[in-house]
Amino acid sequence: MILVNTDYISGKELEMLGLVKGSTIQSKNVGKDITQGFKTLVGGELKTYTEMMNEARALATKRMVEEAEKLGADAVVNIRYASAAVMQGAAEVMAYGTAVKFQR
């Protein structure tokens, strides 16, 4: 499966199959939340949250790809990511794009 954030793939003619998406809502445990809260007092990267968001993007991408595979897609073009806080310490990440099939 080819994944790109452009609306084309060089040298390929594409048949659009439709919108595909994947999402997840992730959170860390209360202990991690407390330690990260203290980190905000001194500044710097909140590594626990960075890891959480990386995991969330990977899972959302995997779910998007699975949806594209069900449509028989060869690739997903114009991929975008969106995130939003849903509550203290929890975030939703969504990956979405257009599933396409290569014209032979």
N, C-alpha and C. Protein backbone atom coordinates (compact mmCIF):
# COMPACT_ATOMS: atom_id res chain seq x y z
N MET A 1 0.85 -1.17 0.00
CA MET A 1 0.00 0.00 0.00
C MET A 1 0.89 1.23 0.00
N ILE A 2 0.66 2.11 -0.96
CA ILE A 2 1.40 3.36 -1.04
C ILE A 2 0.59 4.44 -0.32
N LEU A 3 1.25 5.19 0.55
CA LEU A 3 0.61 6.26 1.31
C LEU A 3 1.34 7.56 1.01
N VAL A 4 0.60 8.56 0.50
CA VAL A 4 1.22 9.85 0.18
C VAL A 4 0.29 10.99 0.61
N ASN A 5 0.91 12.17 0.82
CA ASN A 5 0.09 13.32 1.16
C ASN A 5 -0.13 14.24 -0.04
N THR A 6 0.21 13.77 -1.23
CA THR A 6 -0.09 14.49 -2.46
C THR A 6 -1.37 13.91 -3.06
N ASP A 7 -1.94 14.61 -4.03
CA ASP A 7 -3.16 14.08 -4.65
C ASP A 7 -2.87 13.30 -5.93
N TYR A 8 -1.63 12.92 -6.12
CA TYR A 8 -1.24 12.14 -7.30
C TYR A 8 -0.05 11.24 -6.92
N ILE A 9 0.22 10.26 -7.77
CA ILE A 9 1.41 9.42 -7.67
C ILE A 9 2.04 9.44 -9.05
N SER A 10 3.26 9.91 -9.14
CA SER A 10 3.94 10.06 -10.43
C SER A 10 3.89 8.78 -11.24
N GLY A 11 3.53 8.92 -12.51
CA GLY A 11 3.51 7.79 -13.42
C GLY A 11 2.31 6.88 -13.29
N LYS A 12 1.37 7.21 -12.43
CA LYS A 12 0.19 6.36 -12.24
C LYS A 12 -1.08 7.13 -12.56
N GLU A 13 -1.99 6.45 -13.23
CA GLU A 13 -3.31 7.00 -13.43
C GLU A 13 -4.20 6.39 -12.37
N LEU A 14 -4.96 7.23 -11.67
CA LEU A 14 -5.68 6.77 -10.50
C LEU A 14 -7.19 6.76 -10.69
N GLU A 15 -7.80 5.73 -10.17
CA GLU A 15 -9.26 5.65 -10.09
C GLU A 15 -9.61 5.87 -8.62
N MET A 16 -10.40 6.90 -8.34
CA MET A 16 -10.78 7.22 -6.97
C MET A 16 -11.82 6.22 -6.46
N LEU A 17 -11.57 5.67 -5.29
CA LEU A 17 -12.51 4.73 -4.69
C LEU A 17 -13.34 5.36 -3.58
N GLY A 18 -12.81 6.38 -2.93
CA GLY A 18 -13.58 7.06 -1.89
C GLY A 18 -12.74 7.40 -0.67
N LEU A 19 -13.36 8.12 0.22
CA LEU A 19 -12.73 8.55 1.46
C LEU A 19 -12.53 7.37 2.40
N VAL A 20 -11.35 7.30 3.00
CA VAL A 20 -11.08 6.31 4.04
C VAL A 20 -10.52 7.03 5.25
N LYS A 21 -10.80 6.48 6.42
CA LYS A 21 -10.32 7.12 7.64
C LYS A 21 -10.08 6.08 8.72
N GLY A 22 -9.29 6.49 9.68
CA GLY A 22 -9.05 5.67 10.85
C GLY A 22 -8.87 6.61 12.02
N SER A 23 -9.33 6.21 13.19
CA SER A 23 -9.17 7.08 14.35
C SER A 23 -8.98 6.28 15.61
N THR A 24 -8.50 6.97 16.63
CA THR A 24 -8.34 6.36 17.95
C THR A 24 -8.37 7.48 18.98
N ILE A 25 -8.75 7.13 20.18
CA ILE A 25 -8.65 8.05 21.32
C ILE A 25 -7.71 7.40 22.31
N GLN A 26 -6.66 8.11 22.66
CA GLN A 26 -5.62 7.58 23.53
C GLN A 26 -5.51 8.41 24.81
N SER A 27 -5.08 7.76 25.89
CA SER A 27 -4.77 8.48 27.12
C SER A 27 -3.64 7.73 27.83
N LYS A 28 -3.01 8.42 28.76
CA LYS A 28 -1.98 7.80 29.61
C LYS A 28 -2.57 7.63 30.99
N ASN A 29 -1.93 6.78 31.80
CA ASN A 29 -2.46 6.54 33.14
C ASN A 29 -2.26 7.76 34.05
N VAL A 30 -2.97 7.77 35.15
CA VAL A 30 -2.96 8.91 36.06
C VAL A 30 -1.56 9.22 36.57
N GLY A 31 -0.77 8.21 36.86
CA GLY A 31 0.61 8.43 37.34
C GLY A 31 1.43 9.20 36.32
N LYS A 32 1.33 8.82 35.08
CA LYS A 32 2.05 9.53 34.00
C LYS A 32 1.53 10.94 33.86
N ASP A 33 0.20 11.12 33.99
CA ASP A 33 -0.40 12.44 33.90
C ASP A 33 0.17 13.38 34.96
N ILE A 34 0.32 12.86 36.16
CA ILE A 34 0.84 13.68 37.26
C ILE A 34 2.29 14.07 37.01
N THR A 35 3.13 13.12 36.60
CA THR A 35 4.54 13.43 36.36
C THR A 35 4.70 14.40 35.19
N GLN A 36 3.87 14.27 34.18
CA GLN A 36 3.93 15.20 33.05
C GLN A 36 3.44 16.58 33.46
N GLY A 37 2.50 16.62 34.40
CA GLY A 37 2.03 17.90 34.92
C GLY A 37 3.14 18.66 35.62
N PHE A 38 3.98 17.94 36.38
CA PHE A 38 5.12 18.58 37.04
C PHE A 38 6.12 19.08 36.01
N LYS A 39 6.27 18.35 34.91
CA LYS A 39 7.21 18.74 33.86
C LYS A 39 6.83 20.10 33.25
N THR A 40 5.55 20.40 33.24
CA THR A 40 5.12 21.69 32.67
C THR A 40 5.61 22.87 33.51
N LEU A 41 5.95 22.62 34.76
CA LEU A 41 6.46 23.70 35.62
C LEU A 41 7.85 24.15 35.22
N VAL A 42 8.67 23.21 34.72
CA VAL A 42 10.06 23.53 34.36
C VAL A 42 10.25 23.65 32.85
N GLY A 43 9.31 23.18 32.09
CA GLY A 43 9.40 23.25 30.63
C GLY A 43 10.11 22.05 30.04
N GLY A 44 10.09 21.97 28.73
CA GLY A 44 10.72 20.87 28.01
C GLY A 44 9.69 19.95 27.38
N GLU A 45 10.20 18.98 26.66
CA GLU A 45 9.32 18.04 25.95
C GLU A 45 8.61 17.12 26.93
N LEU A 46 7.35 16.89 26.67
CA LEU A 46 6.56 15.94 27.46
C LEU A 46 6.61 14.60 26.73
N LYS A 47 7.68 13.85 26.98
CA LYS A 47 7.96 12.64 26.20
C LYS A 47 6.85 11.61 26.27
N THR A 48 6.21 11.48 27.42
CA THR A 48 5.11 10.52 27.53
C THR A 48 3.99 10.85 26.55
N TYR A 49 3.67 12.14 26.43
CA TYR A 49 2.62 12.55 25.50
C TYR A 49 3.08 12.47 24.06
N THR A 50 4.34 12.73 23.81
CA THR A 50 4.88 12.55 22.46
C THR A 50 4.73 11.10 22.02
N GLU A 51 5.09 10.17 22.91
CA GLU A 51 4.95 8.73 22.62
C GLU A 51 3.48 8.37 22.40
N MET A 52 2.60 8.91 23.25
CA MET A 52 1.18 8.62 23.12
C MET A 52 0.66 9.07 21.76
N MET A 53 1.04 10.29 21.32
CA MET A 53 0.56 10.80 20.04
C MET A 53 1.15 10.02 18.87
N ASN A 54 2.42 9.60 18.96
CA ASN A 54 3.03 8.77 17.92
C ASN A 54 2.30 7.44 17.79
N GLU A 55 1.99 6.83 18.94
CA GLU A 55 1.23 5.57 18.93
C GLU A 55 -0.16 5.77 18.33
N ALA A 56 -0.79 6.87 18.69
CA ALA A 56 -2.13 7.15 18.19
C ALA A 56 -2.13 7.36 16.68
N ARG A 57 -1.14 8.12 16.16
CA ARG A 57 -1.05 8.33 14.70
C ARG A 57 -0.82 7.00 13.98
N ALA A 58 0.05 6.16 14.54
CA ALA A 58 0.32 4.86 13.91
C ALA A 58 -0.94 3.99 13.87
N LEU A 59 -1.69 3.97 14.95
CA LEU A 59 -2.91 3.16 15.00
C LEU A 59 -3.98 3.73 14.07
N ALA A 60 -4.14 5.04 14.05
CA ALA A 60 -5.12 5.66 13.14
C ALA A 60 -4.76 5.37 11.68
N THR A 61 -3.46 5.45 11.36
CA THR A 61 -3.00 5.15 9.99
C THR A 61 -3.29 3.70 9.64
N LYS A 62 -2.99 2.78 10.57
CA LYS A 62 -3.25 1.35 10.34
C LYS A 62 -4.73 1.11 10.06
N ARG A 63 -5.59 1.73 10.82
CA ARG A 63 -7.04 1.55 10.62
C ARG A 63 -7.50 2.14 9.29
N MET A 64 -6.91 3.26 8.89
CA MET A 64 -7.23 3.86 7.59
C MET A 64 -6.82 2.91 6.46
N VAL A 65 -5.62 2.34 6.56
CA VAL A 65 -5.12 1.41 5.55
C VAL A 65 -6.02 0.18 5.47
N GLU A 66 -6.44 -0.35 6.61
CA GLU A 66 -7.34 -1.51 6.61
C GLU A 66 -8.65 -1.20 5.88
N GLU A 67 -9.17 0.00 6.08
CA GLU A 67 -10.40 0.40 5.38
C GLU A 67 -10.15 0.49 3.88
N ALA A 68 -8.99 1.02 3.49
CA ALA A 68 -8.64 1.12 2.06
C ALA A 68 -8.49 -0.26 1.44
N GLU A 69 -7.86 -1.17 2.18
CA GLU A 69 -7.68 -2.54 1.67
C GLU A 69 -9.02 -3.22 1.42
N LYS A 70 -10.01 -2.95 2.27
CA LYS A 70 -11.35 -3.53 2.08
C LYS A 70 -11.99 -3.05 0.78
N LEU A 71 -11.60 -1.86 0.33
CA LEU A 71 -12.11 -1.32 -0.94
C LEU A 71 -11.30 -1.81 -2.14
N GLY A 72 -10.20 -2.54 -1.89
CA GLY A 72 -9.34 -3.01 -2.97
C GLY A 72 -8.36 -1.95 -3.45
N ALA A 73 -8.04 -1.00 -2.60
CA ALA A 73 -7.15 0.11 -3.00
C ALA A 73 -5.70 -0.33 -3.13
N ASP A 74 -5.00 0.35 -4.04
CA ASP A 74 -3.55 0.17 -4.18
C ASP A 74 -2.79 1.23 -3.39
N ALA A 75 -3.47 2.35 -3.09
CA ALA A 75 -2.80 3.45 -2.41
C ALA A 75 -3.84 4.34 -1.73
N VAL A 76 -3.34 5.20 -0.84
CA VAL A 76 -4.17 6.26 -0.27
C VAL A 76 -3.43 7.56 -0.54
N VAL A 77 -4.12 8.49 -1.18
CA VAL A 77 -3.51 9.78 -1.53
C VAL A 77 -4.13 10.88 -0.68
N ASN A 78 -3.44 12.02 -0.67
CA ASN A 78 -3.93 13.21 0.02
C ASN A 78 -4.21 12.94 1.51
N ILE A 79 -3.31 12.20 2.15
CA ILE A 79 -3.48 11.83 3.56
C ILE A 79 -3.31 13.07 4.44
N ARG A 80 -4.20 13.17 5.41
CA ARG A 80 -4.16 14.25 6.40
C ARG A 80 -4.37 13.66 7.78
N TYR A 81 -3.90 14.38 8.78
CA TYR A 81 -4.09 14.00 10.18
C TYR A 81 -4.77 15.14 10.91
N ALA A 82 -5.63 14.80 11.84
CA ALA A 82 -6.27 15.80 12.70
C ALA A 82 -6.25 15.26 14.12
N SER A 83 -6.12 16.15 15.07
CA SER A 83 -6.18 15.71 16.47
C SER A 83 -6.97 16.72 17.28
N ALA A 84 -7.53 16.22 18.37
CA ALA A 84 -8.31 17.08 19.26
C ALA A 84 -8.28 16.49 20.65
N ALA A 85 -8.23 17.35 21.64
CA ALA A 85 -8.34 16.90 23.03
C ALA A 85 -9.80 16.57 23.29
N VAL A 86 -10.06 15.42 23.88
CA VAL A 86 -11.44 15.05 24.19
C VAL A 86 -11.72 15.18 25.68
N MET A 87 -10.66 15.17 26.48
CA MET A 87 -10.74 15.41 27.92
C MET A 87 -9.32 15.57 28.44
N GLN A 88 -9.16 15.92 29.69
CA GLN A 88 -7.83 16.09 30.27
C GLN A 88 -7.00 14.81 30.08
N GLY A 89 -5.87 14.91 29.39
CA GLY A 89 -4.98 13.78 29.23
C GLY A 89 -5.38 12.78 28.16
N ALA A 90 -6.41 13.06 27.37
CA ALA A 90 -6.84 12.15 26.31
C ALA A 90 -7.00 12.93 25.02
N ALA A 91 -6.59 12.30 23.92
CA ALA A 91 -6.67 12.97 22.62
C ALA A 91 -7.16 12.00 21.56
N GLU A 92 -7.92 12.54 20.62
CA GLU A 92 -8.34 11.77 19.45
C GLU A 92 -7.41 12.13 18.31
N VAL A 93 -7.01 11.12 17.57
CA VAL A 93 -6.23 11.34 16.35
C VAL A 93 -6.99 10.66 15.22
N MET A 94 -7.14 11.38 14.10
CA MET A 94 -7.80 10.83 12.93
C MET A 94 -6.86 10.96 11.74
N ALA A 95 -6.77 9.89 10.97
CA ALA A 95 -6.04 9.89 9.70
C ALA A 95 -7.09 9.69 8.61
N TYR A 96 -7.01 10.48 7.53
CA TYR A 96 -7.97 10.31 6.46
C TYR A 96 -7.33 10.65 5.12
N GLY A 97 -7.86 10.07 4.07
CA GLY A 97 -7.36 10.31 2.73
C GLY A 97 -8.30 9.69 1.71
N THR A 98 -7.86 9.67 0.47
CA THR A 98 -8.65 9.11 -0.62
C THR A 98 -8.04 7.79 -1.08
N ALA A 99 -8.82 6.73 -1.01
CA ALA A 99 -8.38 5.42 -1.48
C ALA A 99 -8.44 5.43 -3.02
N VAL A 100 -7.38 4.91 -3.64
CA VAL A 100 -7.31 4.87 -5.10
C VAL A 100 -6.83 3.52 -5.58
N LYS A 101 -7.20 3.21 -6.80
CA LYS A 101 -6.74 1.99 -7.49
C LYS A 101 -5.98 2.45 -8.71
N PHE A 102 -4.89 1.77 -9.02
CA PHE A 102 -4.11 2.10 -10.21
C PHE A 102 -4.84 1.56 -11.44
N GLN A 103 -4.95 2.41 -12.46
CA GLN A 103 -5.54 1.94 -13.72
C GLN A 103 -4.43 1.26 -14.50
N ARG A 104 -4.69 0.08 -14.98
CA ARG A 104 -3.67 -0.76 -15.64
C ARG A 104 -3.56 -0.43 -17.10
